[in-house]
Amino acid sequence: MPGTRKLGRPTAARRAMLRAMVTFLLEKGRIETTVTRAKEVRSLTEKMITIAKVPSLANKRLVHAFLTKESVGKKLFDEIAPRYDRRDGGYTRIIRTGARRGDAAEMAILELVK
């Protein structure tokens, strides 16, 4: 269930961070972050892609209300969602890369599947 991890932040800061990370992932195609954050972002990103597969006005409003950049919402509906129209979930992949040098946090690359 998404949103159950607190990630050491207050609710508003956590929600803002996750929205920004989902937007950046959809914009760039891959991000490097901790494994825990990657799991949260993966869940939210897959929900956004699933919503965008049906380009209704209500779905466009839902997506644009969540994402922080309007251009990324347009890219999601025009390029990303049609790429996964025959796929039922599994739009992202988490690749573990090892521990971060400073605090030994487990790092991962989160990317969209081609």
C-alpha atoms as a PDB file:
ATOM      1  CA  MET A   1       0.000   0.000   0.000  1.00  0.00           C
ATOM      2  CA  PRO A   2       1.576   3.316  -1.018  1.00  0.00           C
ATOM      3  CA  GLY A   3       2.087   6.009   1.504  1.00  0.00           C
ATOM      4  CA  THR A   4       2.693   3.802   4.528  1.00  0.00           C
ATOM      5  CA  ARG A   5       6.403   4.653   4.822  1.00  0.00           C
ATOM      6  CA  LYS A   6       7.121   7.887   6.678  1.00  0.00           C
ATOM      7  CA  LEU A   7      10.648   8.377   5.280  1.00  0.00           C
ATOM      8  CA  GLY A   8      11.649  10.511   8.271  1.00  0.00           C
ATOM      9  CA  ARG A   9       9.663  13.557   7.157  1.00  0.00           C
ATOM     10  CA  PRO A  10       6.440  15.333   8.114  1.00  0.00           C
ATOM     11  CA  THR A  11       3.435  14.585   5.915  1.00  0.00           C
ATOM     12  CA  ALA A  12       3.547  17.745   3.796  1.00  0.00           C
ATOM     13  CA  ALA A  13       7.282  17.496   3.129  1.00  0.00           C
ATOM     14  CA  ARG A  14       7.007  13.789   2.330  1.00  0.00           C
ATOM     15  CA  ARG A  15       4.127  14.340  -0.109  1.00  0.00           C
ATOM     16  CA  ALA A  16       5.987  17.203  -1.825  1.00  0.00           C
ATOM     17  CA  MET A  17       9.159  15.109  -2.117  1.00  0.00           C
ATOM     18  CA  LEU A  18       7.296  12.152  -3.624  1.00  0.00           C
ATOM     19  CA  ARG A  19       5.421  14.354  -6.106  1.00  0.00           C
ATOM     20  CA  ALA A  20       8.705  15.920  -7.211  1.00  0.00           C
ATOM     21  CA  MET A  21      10.401  12.525  -7.556  1.00  0.00           C
ATOM     22  CA  VAL A  22       7.524  11.071  -9.603  1.00  0.00           C
ATOM     23  CA  THR A  23       7.590  14.141 -11.861  1.00  0.00           C
ATOM     24  CA  PHE A  24      11.355  13.892 -12.324  1.00  0.00           C
ATOM     25  CA  LEU A  25      11.162  10.143 -13.058  1.00  0.00           C
ATOM     26  CA  LEU A  26       8.514  10.672 -15.732  1.00  0.00           C
ATOM     27  CA  GLU A  27      10.522  13.559 -17.185  1.00  0.00           C
ATOM     28  CA  LYS A  28      13.960  11.911 -17.291  1.00  0.00           C
ATOM     29  CA  GLY A  29      13.116   8.202 -17.396  1.00  0.00           C
ATOM     30  CA  ARG A  30      15.360   7.191 -14.478  1.00  0.00           C
ATOM     31  CA  ILE A  31      16.428   8.432 -11.051  1.00  0.00           C
ATOM     32  CA  GLU A  32      18.917   7.298  -8.410  1.00  0.00           C
ATOM     33  CA  THR A  33      17.666   7.277  -4.838  1.00  0.00           C
ATOM     34  CA  THR A  34      17.457   5.063  -1.764  1.00  0.00           C
ATOM     35  CA  VAL A  35      15.659   1.731  -2.044  1.00  0.00           C
ATOM     36  CA  THR A  36      12.916   2.770   0.380  1.00  0.00           C
ATOM     37  CA  ARG A  37      12.149   5.953  -1.536  1.00  0.00           C
ATOM     38  CA  ALA A  38      12.318   4.070  -4.832  1.00  0.00           C
ATOM     39  CA  LYS A  39       9.632   1.655  -3.651  1.00  0.00           C
ATOM     40  CA  GLU A  40       7.307   4.517  -2.725  1.00  0.00           C
ATOM     41  CA  VAL A  41       7.962   6.409  -5.951  1.00  0.00           C
ATOM     42  CA  ARG A  42       7.461   3.236  -8.012  1.00  0.00           C
ATOM     43  CA  SER A  43       4.003   2.707  -6.525  1.00  0.00           C
ATOM     44  CA  LEU A  44       2.888   6.273  -7.207  1.00  0.00           C
ATOM     45  CA  THR A  45       4.409   6.347 -10.707  1.00  0.00           C
ATOM     46  CA  GLU A  46       2.658   3.153 -11.729  1.00  0.00           C
ATOM     47  CA  LYS A  47      -0.653   4.588 -10.515  1.00  0.00           C
ATOM     48  CA  MET A  48      -0.090   7.743 -12.601  1.00  0.00           C
ATOM     49  CA  ILE A  49       0.708   5.721 -15.730  1.00  0.00           C
ATOM     50  CA  THR A  50      -2.345   3.504 -15.213  1.00  0.00           C
ATOM     51  CA  ILE A  51      -4.568   6.565 -14.844  1.00  0.00           C
ATOM     52  CA  ALA A  52      -3.049   8.160 -17.957  1.00  0.00           C
ATOM     53  CA  LYS A  53      -3.823   5.111 -20.109  1.00  0.00           C
ATOM     54  CA  VAL A  54      -7.421   6.377 -20.344  1.00  0.00           C
ATOM     55  CA  PRO A  55      -7.130  10.010 -21.539  1.00  0.00           C
ATOM     56  CA  SER A  56     -10.402  11.360 -20.140  1.00  0.00           C
ATOM     57  CA  LEU A  57     -10.771  14.871 -18.788  1.00  0.00           C
ATOM     58  CA  ALA A  58     -11.159  13.575 -15.233  1.00  0.00           C
ATOM     59  CA  ASN A  59      -7.954  11.541 -15.516  1.00  0.00           C
ATOM     60  CA  LYS A  60      -6.061  14.508 -16.954  1.00  0.00           C
ATOM     61  CA  ARG A  61      -7.176  16.602 -13.996  1.00  0.00           C
ATOM     62  CA  LEU A  62      -6.083  13.900 -11.540  1.00  0.00           C
ATOM     63  CA  VAL A  63      -2.636  13.617 -13.102  1.00  0.00           C
ATOM     64  CA  HIS A  64      -2.069  17.368 -13.474  1.00  0.00           C
ATOM     65  CA  ALA A  65      -3.135  17.907  -9.846  1.00  0.00           C
ATOM     66  CA  PHE A  66      -0.438  15.465  -8.703  1.00  0.00           C
ATOM     67  CA  LEU A  67       2.503  16.284 -10.991  1.00  0.00           C
ATOM     68  CA  THR A  68       4.469  19.496 -10.491  1.00  0.00           C
ATOM     69  CA  LYS A  69       5.117  20.285 -14.185  1.00  0.00           C
ATOM     70  CA  GLU A  70       2.410  20.652 -16.805  1.00  0.00           C
ATOM     71  CA  SER A  71       4.787  19.597 -19.597  1.00  0.00           C
ATOM     72  CA  VAL A  72       5.438  16.268 -17.859  1.00  0.00           C
ATOM     73  CA  GLY A  73       1.691  15.621 -17.650  1.00  0.00           C
ATOM     74  CA  LYS A  74       1.387  16.212 -21.385  1.00  0.00           C
ATOM     75  CA  LYS A  75       4.359  13.882 -22.005  1.00  0.00           C
ATOM     76  CA  LEU A  76       2.737  11.242 -19.806  1.00  0.00           C
ATOM     77  CA  PHE A  77      -0.494  11.248 -21.831  1.00  0.00           C
ATOM     78  CA  ASP A  78       1.114  11.654 -25.280  1.00  0.00           C
ATOM     79  CA  GLU A  79       4.248   9.470 -25.069  1.00  0.00           C
ATOM     80  CA  ILE A  80       4.562   7.363 -21.920  1.00  0.00           C
ATOM     81  CA  ALA A  81       1.062   5.927 -21.384  1.00  0.00           C
ATOM     82  CA  PRO A  82       0.564   4.812 -25.028  1.00  0.00           C
ATOM     83  CA  ARG A  83       3.869   2.919 -24.802  1.00  0.00           C
ATOM     84  CA  TYR A  84       2.354   0.713 -22.072  1.00  0.00           C
ATOM     85  CA  ASP A  85      -1.181   0.321 -23.480  1.00  0.00           C
ATOM     86  CA  ARG A  86      -0.857  -3.493 -23.779  1.00  0.00           C
ATOM     87  CA  ARG A  87       0.868  -3.907 -20.429  1.00  0.00           C
ATOM     88  CA  ASP A  88      -0.932  -4.417 -17.109  1.00  0.00           C
ATOM     89  CA  GLY A  89       1.438  -2.890 -14.581  1.00  0.00           C
ATOM     90  CA  GLY A  90       5.159  -3.382 -14.142  1.00  0.00           C
ATOM     91  CA  TYR A  91       6.082  -0.107 -15.836  1.00  0.00           C
ATOM     92  CA  THR A  92       9.139   0.519 -13.642  1.00  0.00           C
ATOM     93  CA  ARG A  93      12.201  -1.403 -12.520  1.00  0.00           C
ATOM     94  CA  ILE A  94      14.358  -1.040  -9.404  1.00  0.00           C
ATOM     95  CA  ILE A  95      18.040  -1.935  -9.758  1.00  0.00           C
ATOM     96  CA  ARG A  96      19.971  -2.008  -6.488  1.00  0.00           C
ATOM     97  CA  THR A  97      23.398  -0.375  -6.739  1.00  0.00           C
ATOM     98  CA  GLY A  98      24.903  -0.899  -3.281  1.00  0.00           C
ATOM     99  CA  ALA A  99      25.488   1.243  -0.229  1.00  0.00           C
ATOM    100  CA  ARG A 100      25.991   5.005  -0.278  1.00  0.00           C
ATOM    101  CA  ARG A 101      29.440   6.013   0.921  1.00  0.00           C
ATOM    102  CA  GLY A 102      28.414   8.637   3.474  1.00  0.00           C
ATOM    103  CA  ASP A 103      25.784   6.840   5.539  1.00  0.00           C
ATOM    104  CA  ALA A 104      25.680   3.324   4.031  1.00  0.00           C
ATOM    105  CA  ALA A 105      22.077   3.766   2.854  1.00  0.00           C
ATOM    106  CA  GLU A 106      21.070   1.144   0.294  1.00  0.00           C
ATOM    107  CA  MET A 107      20.889   2.887  -3.087  1.00  0.00           C
ATOM    108  CA  ALA A 108      18.938   1.978  -6.211  1.00  0.00           C
ATOM    109  CA  ILE A 109      18.205   3.168  -9.724  1.00  0.00           C
ATOM    110  CA  LEU A 110      14.516   3.466 -10.540  1.00  0.00           C
ATOM    111  CA  GLU A 111      13.745   3.515 -14.261  1.00  0.00           C
ATOM    112  CA  LEU A 112      10.873   3.149 -16.666  1.00  0.00           C
ATOM    113  CA  VAL A 113      10.802  -0.155 -18.535  1.00  0.00           C
ATOM    114  CA  LYS A 114      11.259   0.193 -22.308  1.00  0.00           C
END
